[in-house]
Amino acid sequence: MTSILVHTCVRVVDPAASIRFYEALGFERRGQLNFDSAYNVYMGLPGGGDTLELTVNVGRTDPYDLGDGYNHVAVTHPDLDAILATLAALGVEPEKPPFHPGGRDDLPRIVFVADPDGYRIEIIEGEHFATPQDGPHPSEA
């Protein structure tokens, strides 16, 4: 039997703002699951599964402490400049301009933005992301 990754969950304070943000990235709202004091909004990218769960704790107004272990979720987009313009219309600005990670021109340009709750989202330019195949890092020797 094979396991599959079903979804990633992030807790959000303003579900409408979060849904607008993720829809701007191309996600579609797929479903909702209600509980007494919380609910989950499920989203996914066209042609894919429902890979994002937005959890809303009803009545919460304080931002969540994201800690220092979380770093980012990554998505691809065919036109980095166009998606940044779309996000700018929502008031979302990148951490810094798009760049090639590590200064490596063999890698696609990337940019980091924050969703309405402060979760970092990496946007990778292109239709697909090929997993890099570098050898062991020198620190692994």
N, C-alpha and C. Protein backbone atom coordinates (compact mmCIF):
# COMPACT_ATOMS: atom_id res chain seq x y z
N MET A 1 0.84 -1.17 0.00
CA MET A 1 0.00 0.00 0.00
C MET A 1 0.89 1.24 0.00
N THR A 2 0.53 2.24 -0.81
CA THR A 2 1.31 3.46 -0.94
C THR A 2 0.61 4.61 -0.24
N SER A 3 1.37 5.40 0.46
CA SER A 3 0.84 6.61 1.07
C SER A 3 0.88 7.75 0.08
N ILE A 4 -0.03 8.69 0.23
CA ILE A 4 0.00 9.90 -0.58
C ILE A 4 -0.17 11.10 0.34
N LEU A 5 0.42 12.22 -0.03
CA LEU A 5 0.22 13.45 0.71
C LEU A 5 -1.16 13.99 0.34
N VAL A 6 -2.02 14.18 1.33
CA VAL A 6 -3.39 14.61 1.08
C VAL A 6 -3.50 16.13 1.10
N HIS A 7 -3.06 16.76 2.18
CA HIS A 7 -3.13 18.22 2.24
C HIS A 7 -2.20 18.77 3.31
N THR A 8 -1.97 20.06 3.19
CA THR A 8 -1.27 20.83 4.20
C THR A 8 -2.30 21.73 4.85
N CYS A 9 -2.25 21.85 6.17
CA CYS A 9 -3.21 22.68 6.90
C CYS A 9 -2.51 23.93 7.43
N VAL A 10 -3.15 25.07 7.23
CA VAL A 10 -2.71 26.31 7.86
C VAL A 10 -3.91 26.93 8.56
N ARG A 11 -3.68 27.49 9.73
CA ARG A 11 -4.75 28.14 10.49
C ARG A 11 -4.81 29.60 10.07
N VAL A 12 -6.02 30.08 9.79
CA VAL A 12 -6.19 31.44 9.28
C VAL A 12 -7.16 32.22 10.15
N VAL A 13 -6.95 33.53 10.22
CA VAL A 13 -7.82 34.40 11.01
C VAL A 13 -8.93 34.99 10.15
N ASP A 14 -8.61 35.41 8.93
CA ASP A 14 -9.59 36.02 8.03
C ASP A 14 -9.76 35.11 6.81
N PRO A 15 -10.72 34.20 6.86
CA PRO A 15 -10.84 33.24 5.76
C PRO A 15 -11.10 33.88 4.41
N ALA A 16 -11.87 34.96 4.35
CA ALA A 16 -12.15 35.60 3.06
C ALA A 16 -10.85 36.12 2.43
N ALA A 17 -9.99 36.77 3.23
CA ALA A 17 -8.72 37.27 2.71
C ALA A 17 -7.83 36.12 2.27
N SER A 18 -7.80 35.03 3.05
CA SER A 18 -6.97 33.88 2.70
C SER A 18 -7.47 33.23 1.41
N ILE A 19 -8.77 33.08 1.28
CA ILE A 19 -9.33 32.47 0.06
C ILE A 19 -9.00 33.34 -1.15
N ARG A 20 -9.14 34.66 -1.04
CA ARG A 20 -8.78 35.56 -2.16
C ARG A 20 -7.32 35.39 -2.54
N PHE A 21 -6.44 35.32 -1.52
CA PHE A 21 -5.01 35.17 -1.77
C PHE A 21 -4.73 33.88 -2.54
N TYR A 22 -5.23 32.76 -2.03
CA TYR A 22 -4.93 31.48 -2.67
C TYR A 22 -5.63 31.34 -4.02
N GLU A 23 -6.79 31.94 -4.19
CA GLU A 23 -7.43 31.95 -5.52
C GLU A 23 -6.58 32.74 -6.51
N ALA A 24 -5.94 33.82 -6.06
CA ALA A 24 -5.05 34.59 -6.94
C ALA A 24 -3.88 33.73 -7.40
N LEU A 25 -3.47 32.77 -6.58
CA LEU A 25 -2.39 31.85 -6.96
C LEU A 25 -2.89 30.71 -7.84
N GLY A 26 -4.19 30.64 -8.08
CA GLY A 26 -4.74 29.60 -8.95
C GLY A 26 -5.49 28.50 -8.23
N PHE A 27 -5.55 28.54 -6.90
CA PHE A 27 -6.29 27.52 -6.16
C PHE A 27 -7.79 27.70 -6.36
N GLU A 28 -8.51 26.60 -6.27
CA GLU A 28 -9.96 26.59 -6.35
C GLU A 28 -10.52 26.13 -5.01
N ARG A 29 -11.62 26.74 -4.61
CA ARG A 29 -12.29 26.27 -3.39
C ARG A 29 -13.03 24.98 -3.74
N ARG A 30 -12.81 23.93 -2.94
CA ARG A 30 -13.35 22.61 -3.26
C ARG A 30 -14.40 22.12 -2.28
N GLY A 31 -14.32 22.50 -1.02
CA GLY A 31 -15.27 21.98 -0.05
C GLY A 31 -15.05 22.59 1.32
N GLN A 32 -15.90 22.19 2.24
CA GLN A 32 -15.84 22.71 3.60
C GLN A 32 -16.30 21.63 4.57
N LEU A 33 -15.68 21.60 5.74
CA LEU A 33 -16.04 20.67 6.80
C LEU A 33 -16.25 21.48 8.07
N ASN A 34 -17.46 21.42 8.65
CA ASN A 34 -17.81 22.23 9.81
C ASN A 34 -17.75 21.42 11.10
N PHE A 35 -17.29 22.08 12.17
CA PHE A 35 -17.28 21.55 13.52
C PHE A 35 -17.98 22.58 14.41
N ASP A 36 -18.13 22.29 15.69
CA ASP A 36 -18.80 23.24 16.59
C ASP A 36 -18.09 24.58 16.65
N SER A 37 -16.78 24.57 16.85
CA SER A 37 -16.06 25.82 17.07
C SER A 37 -15.02 26.13 15.99
N ALA A 38 -15.04 25.38 14.90
CA ALA A 38 -14.07 25.59 13.82
C ALA A 38 -14.63 25.04 12.53
N TYR A 39 -13.98 25.40 11.42
CA TYR A 39 -14.31 24.79 10.14
C TYR A 39 -13.08 24.81 9.24
N ASN A 40 -13.07 23.90 8.28
CA ASN A 40 -11.98 23.77 7.33
C ASN A 40 -12.49 24.08 5.93
N VAL A 41 -11.73 24.88 5.21
CA VAL A 41 -12.01 25.15 3.80
C VAL A 41 -10.93 24.42 3.01
N TYR A 42 -11.35 23.58 2.08
CA TYR A 42 -10.41 22.80 1.28
C TYR A 42 -10.25 23.43 -0.09
N MET A 43 -8.98 23.54 -0.52
CA MET A 43 -8.67 24.16 -1.81
C MET A 43 -7.68 23.27 -2.55
N GLY A 44 -7.67 23.40 -3.87
CA GLY A 44 -6.73 22.65 -4.68
C GLY A 44 -6.45 23.38 -5.98
N LEU A 45 -5.41 22.95 -6.65
CA LEU A 45 -5.06 23.51 -7.95
C LEU A 45 -5.76 22.72 -9.05
N PRO A 46 -6.09 23.36 -10.17
CA PRO A 46 -6.77 22.65 -11.26
C PRO A 46 -6.03 21.37 -11.65
N GLY A 47 -6.76 20.29 -11.77
CA GLY A 47 -6.18 19.01 -12.16
C GLY A 47 -5.54 18.25 -11.02
N GLY A 48 -5.49 18.83 -9.83
CA GLY A 48 -4.86 18.18 -8.70
C GLY A 48 -5.85 17.93 -7.58
N GLY A 49 -5.34 17.38 -6.51
CA GLY A 49 -6.17 17.09 -5.35
C GLY A 49 -6.44 18.32 -4.50
N ASP A 50 -7.18 18.11 -3.45
CA ASP A 50 -7.50 19.17 -2.50
C ASP A 50 -6.35 19.26 -1.50
N THR A 51 -5.30 19.96 -1.88
CA THR A 51 -4.03 19.89 -1.16
C THR A 51 -3.83 20.95 -0.08
N LEU A 52 -4.78 21.88 0.04
CA LEU A 52 -4.64 22.94 1.03
C LEU A 52 -5.89 22.98 1.91
N GLU A 53 -5.68 22.93 3.21
CA GLU A 53 -6.77 23.03 4.18
C GLU A 53 -6.57 24.32 4.98
N LEU A 54 -7.54 25.22 4.89
CA LEU A 54 -7.52 26.44 5.70
C LEU A 54 -8.42 26.19 6.90
N THR A 55 -7.85 26.19 8.09
CA THR A 55 -8.63 25.95 9.31
C THR A 55 -8.95 27.29 9.96
N VAL A 56 -10.24 27.47 10.23
CA VAL A 56 -10.73 28.70 10.87
C VAL A 56 -11.26 28.34 12.25
N ASN A 57 -10.64 28.87 13.28
CA ASN A 57 -11.15 28.72 14.64
C ASN A 57 -12.08 29.90 14.89
N VAL A 58 -13.38 29.62 14.94
CA VAL A 58 -14.39 30.66 15.02
C VAL A 58 -14.15 31.56 16.23
N GLY A 59 -14.17 32.87 15.99
CA GLY A 59 -13.99 33.85 17.05
C GLY A 59 -12.56 34.28 17.29
N ARG A 60 -11.61 33.59 16.70
CA ARG A 60 -10.20 33.97 16.91
C ARG A 60 -9.90 35.23 16.11
N THR A 61 -9.28 36.19 16.76
CA THR A 61 -8.88 37.43 16.08
C THR A 61 -7.39 37.69 16.18
N ASP A 62 -6.71 37.01 17.11
CA ASP A 62 -5.26 37.20 17.26
C ASP A 62 -4.51 36.40 16.22
N PRO A 63 -3.44 36.99 15.65
CA PRO A 63 -2.62 36.24 14.69
C PRO A 63 -2.01 35.01 15.36
N TYR A 64 -1.75 33.99 14.55
CA TYR A 64 -1.11 32.77 15.04
C TYR A 64 0.40 32.97 15.14
N ASP A 65 1.01 32.35 16.13
CA ASP A 65 2.46 32.33 16.26
C ASP A 65 2.96 31.24 15.32
N LEU A 66 3.69 31.65 14.29
CA LEU A 66 4.14 30.69 13.29
C LEU A 66 5.39 29.94 13.70
N GLY A 67 6.04 30.35 14.77
CA GLY A 67 7.23 29.65 15.25
C GLY A 67 8.40 29.82 14.31
N ASP A 68 9.48 29.12 14.60
CA ASP A 68 10.66 29.24 13.75
C ASP A 68 10.97 27.95 12.99
N GLY A 69 10.08 26.98 13.05
CA GLY A 69 10.28 25.75 12.30
C GLY A 69 9.68 25.79 10.91
N TYR A 70 8.57 26.48 10.77
CA TYR A 70 7.91 26.59 9.46
C TYR A 70 8.72 27.52 8.58
N ASN A 71 8.85 27.19 7.30
CA ASN A 71 9.51 28.12 6.39
C ASN A 71 8.60 28.54 5.26
N HIS A 72 8.15 27.60 4.41
CA HIS A 72 7.30 28.02 3.30
C HIS A 72 6.62 26.83 2.64
N VAL A 73 5.63 27.16 1.84
CA VAL A 73 4.99 26.23 0.90
C VAL A 73 5.33 26.76 -0.48
N ALA A 74 5.61 25.88 -1.43
CA ALA A 74 6.01 26.32 -2.76
C ALA A 74 4.96 25.93 -3.80
N VAL A 75 4.72 26.86 -4.73
CA VAL A 75 3.84 26.62 -5.87
C VAL A 75 4.56 27.14 -7.12
N THR A 76 4.17 26.63 -8.27
CA THR A 76 4.72 27.15 -9.52
C THR A 76 3.71 28.11 -10.14
N HIS A 77 4.22 28.97 -11.00
CA HIS A 77 3.37 29.86 -11.80
C HIS A 77 4.14 30.15 -13.08
N PRO A 78 3.46 30.09 -14.24
CA PRO A 78 4.17 30.27 -15.50
C PRO A 78 4.72 31.68 -15.72
N ASP A 79 4.17 32.70 -15.07
CA ASP A 79 4.58 34.09 -15.30
C ASP A 79 4.71 34.80 -13.95
N LEU A 80 5.92 34.85 -13.44
CA LEU A 80 6.17 35.43 -12.12
C LEU A 80 5.77 36.90 -12.06
N ASP A 81 6.08 37.65 -13.10
CA ASP A 81 5.75 39.08 -13.10
C ASP A 81 4.24 39.30 -13.10
N ALA A 82 3.50 38.49 -13.84
CA ALA A 82 2.04 38.62 -13.88
C ALA A 82 1.41 38.28 -12.54
N ILE A 83 1.87 37.22 -11.88
CA ILE A 83 1.26 36.85 -10.60
C ILE A 83 1.61 37.89 -9.54
N LEU A 84 2.79 38.48 -9.62
CA LEU A 84 3.13 39.54 -8.66
C LEU A 84 2.24 40.76 -8.86
N ALA A 85 1.88 41.07 -10.11
CA ALA A 85 0.95 42.18 -10.36
C ALA A 85 -0.43 41.86 -9.80
N THR A 86 -0.88 40.61 -9.96
CA THR A 86 -2.18 40.19 -9.41
C THR A 86 -2.18 40.30 -7.90
N LEU A 87 -1.10 39.83 -7.28
CA LEU A 87 -1.01 39.89 -5.82
C LEU A 87 -0.89 41.32 -5.32
N ALA A 88 -0.19 42.19 -6.08
CA ALA A 88 -0.06 43.59 -5.69
C ALA A 88 -1.43 44.26 -5.61
N ALA A 89 -2.34 43.85 -6.51
CA ALA A 89 -3.71 44.39 -6.47
C ALA A 89 -4.43 43.99 -5.18
N LEU A 90 -3.97 42.92 -4.53
CA LEU A 90 -4.53 42.49 -3.25
C LEU A 90 -3.76 43.10 -2.07
N GLY A 91 -2.75 43.91 -2.37
CA GLY A 91 -1.93 44.50 -1.32
C GLY A 91 -0.78 43.64 -0.88
N VAL A 92 -0.45 42.61 -1.65
CA VAL A 92 0.63 41.69 -1.30
C VAL A 92 1.89 42.06 -2.08
N GLU A 93 2.96 42.33 -1.36
CA GLU A 93 4.24 42.66 -1.98
C GLU A 93 5.25 41.57 -1.68
N PRO A 94 6.20 41.33 -2.58
CA PRO A 94 7.22 40.30 -2.33
C PRO A 94 8.21 40.75 -1.26
N GLU A 95 8.85 39.75 -0.62
CA GLU A 95 9.90 40.07 0.35
C GLU A 95 11.03 40.84 -0.31
N LYS A 96 11.39 40.42 -1.50
CA LYS A 96 12.39 41.09 -2.33
C LYS A 96 12.08 40.71 -3.77
N PRO A 97 12.68 41.39 -4.76
CA PRO A 97 12.38 41.07 -6.16
C PRO A 97 12.71 39.62 -6.51
N PRO A 98 12.09 39.09 -7.58
CA PRO A 98 12.40 37.72 -8.01
C PRO A 98 13.90 37.53 -8.23
N PHE A 99 14.36 36.31 -7.95
CA PHE A 99 15.79 36.02 -8.06
C PHE A 99 15.99 34.54 -8.37
N HIS A 100 17.19 34.23 -8.83
CA HIS A 100 17.60 32.83 -9.02
C HIS A 100 18.22 32.38 -7.70
N PRO A 101 17.69 31.33 -7.03
CA PRO A 101 18.22 30.94 -5.73
C PRO A 101 19.71 30.61 -5.80
N GLY A 102 20.43 31.10 -4.80
CA GLY A 102 21.88 30.87 -4.74
C GLY A 102 22.63 31.52 -5.88
N GLY A 103 21.97 32.43 -6.62
CA GLY A 103 22.60 33.06 -7.78
C GLY A 103 22.82 32.11 -8.93
N ARG A 104 22.15 30.95 -8.89
CA ARG A 104 22.34 29.92 -9.92
C ARG A 104 21.36 30.13 -11.07
N ASP A 105 21.91 30.51 -12.22
CA ASP A 105 21.07 30.73 -13.40
C ASP A 105 20.48 29.45 -13.96
N ASP A 106 20.96 28.29 -13.50
CA ASP A 106 20.39 27.02 -13.97
C ASP A 106 19.08 26.70 -13.26
N LEU A 107 18.70 27.51 -12.26
CA LEU A 107 17.46 27.31 -11.53
C LEU A 107 16.46 28.40 -11.93
N PRO A 108 15.17 28.09 -11.90
CA PRO A 108 14.17 29.11 -12.26
C PRO A 108 14.14 30.23 -11.22
N ARG A 109 13.64 31.39 -11.67
CA ARG A 109 13.48 32.50 -10.73
C ARG A 109 12.41 32.13 -9.69
N ILE A 110 12.61 32.66 -8.49
CA ILE A 110 11.64 32.46 -7.42
C ILE A 110 11.38 33.79 -6.74
N VAL A 111 10.30 33.82 -5.95
CA VAL A 111 9.99 34.98 -5.13
C VAL A 111 9.22 34.47 -3.92
N PHE A 112 9.36 35.18 -2.80
CA PHE A 112 8.61 34.83 -1.60
C PHE A 112 7.62 35.95 -1.28
N VAL A 113 6.40 35.54 -0.95
CA VAL A 113 5.37 36.45 -0.49
C VAL A 113 4.77 35.86 0.79
N ALA A 114 4.01 36.67 1.50
CA ALA A 114 3.33 36.18 2.70
C ALA A 114 1.83 36.20 2.45
N ASP A 115 1.14 35.15 2.89
CA ASP A 115 -0.32 35.14 2.79
C ASP A 115 -0.89 36.05 3.88
N PRO A 116 -2.20 36.23 3.94
CA PRO A 116 -2.76 37.16 4.93
C PRO A 116 -2.44 36.82 6.39
N ASP A 117 -2.05 35.60 6.69
CA ASP A 117 -1.70 35.22 8.06
C ASP A 117 -0.20 35.17 8.29
N GLY A 118 0.58 35.55 7.30
CA GLY A 118 2.03 35.60 7.45
C GLY A 118 2.76 34.35 7.03
N TYR A 119 2.05 33.33 6.53
CA TYR A 119 2.73 32.14 6.04
C TYR A 119 3.49 32.49 4.77
N ARG A 120 4.75 32.09 4.71
CA ARG A 120 5.56 32.36 3.52
C ARG A 120 5.18 31.39 2.42
N ILE A 121 5.06 31.95 1.22
CA ILE A 121 4.75 31.17 0.03
C ILE A 121 5.86 31.46 -0.99
N GLU A 122 6.51 30.40 -1.45
CA GLU A 122 7.51 30.53 -2.51
C GLU A 122 6.80 30.31 -3.84
N ILE A 123 6.99 31.22 -4.76
CA ILE A 123 6.44 31.06 -6.11
C ILE A 123 7.61 30.82 -7.05
N ILE A 124 7.59 29.68 -7.73
CA ILE A 124 8.65 29.27 -8.64
C ILE A 124 8.16 29.50 -10.06
N GLU A 125 8.95 30.21 -10.86
CA GLU A 125 8.53 30.51 -12.23
C GLU A 125 8.60 29.25 -13.10
N GLY A 126 7.52 28.98 -13.81
CA GLY A 126 7.48 27.85 -14.72
C GLY A 126 6.24 27.01 -14.51
N GLU A 127 6.01 26.09 -15.41
CA GLU A 127 4.85 25.19 -15.33
C GLU A 127 5.09 24.05 -14.35
N HIS A 128 6.35 23.61 -14.25
CA HIS A 128 6.70 22.46 -13.41
C HIS A 128 7.98 22.79 -12.65
N PHE A 129 8.25 22.03 -11.63
CA PHE A 129 9.50 22.18 -10.90
C PHE A 129 10.19 20.84 -10.87
N ALA A 130 11.34 20.78 -11.51
CA ALA A 130 12.14 19.55 -11.51
C ALA A 130 13.00 19.55 -10.25
N THR A 131 12.90 18.51 -9.46
CA THR A 131 13.67 18.42 -8.23
C THR A 131 15.16 18.46 -8.55
N PRO A 132 15.91 19.39 -7.94
CA PRO A 132 17.36 19.46 -8.20
C PRO A 132 18.05 18.15 -7.81
N GLN A 133 19.14 17.87 -8.49
CA GLN A 133 19.86 16.62 -8.27
C GLN A 133 21.32 16.85 -7.91
N ASP A 134 21.58 17.88 -7.10
CA ASP A 134 22.94 18.11 -6.63
C ASP A 134 23.38 16.93 -5.78
N GLY A 135 24.69 16.71 -5.70
CA GLY A 135 25.22 15.66 -4.84
C GLY A 135 25.18 16.07 -3.38
N PRO A 136 25.81 15.29 -2.51
CA PRO A 136 25.82 15.62 -1.08
C PRO A 136 26.43 17.00 -0.82
N HIS A 137 25.90 17.69 0.16
CA HIS A 137 26.44 18.99 0.58
C HIS A 137 27.78 18.74 1.26
N PRO A 138 28.76 19.66 1.14
CA PRO A 138 30.06 19.45 1.80
C PRO A 138 29.94 19.18 3.30
N SER A 139 28.91 19.72 3.94
CA SER A 139 28.76 19.48 5.38
C SER A 139 28.35 18.05 5.69
N GLU A 140 27.93 17.30 4.69
CA GLU A 140 27.50 15.91 4.89
C GLU A 140 28.65 14.92 4.83
N ALA A 141 29.82 15.43 4.51
CA ALA A 141 30.99 14.53 4.36
C ALA A 141 31.51 14.03 5.69
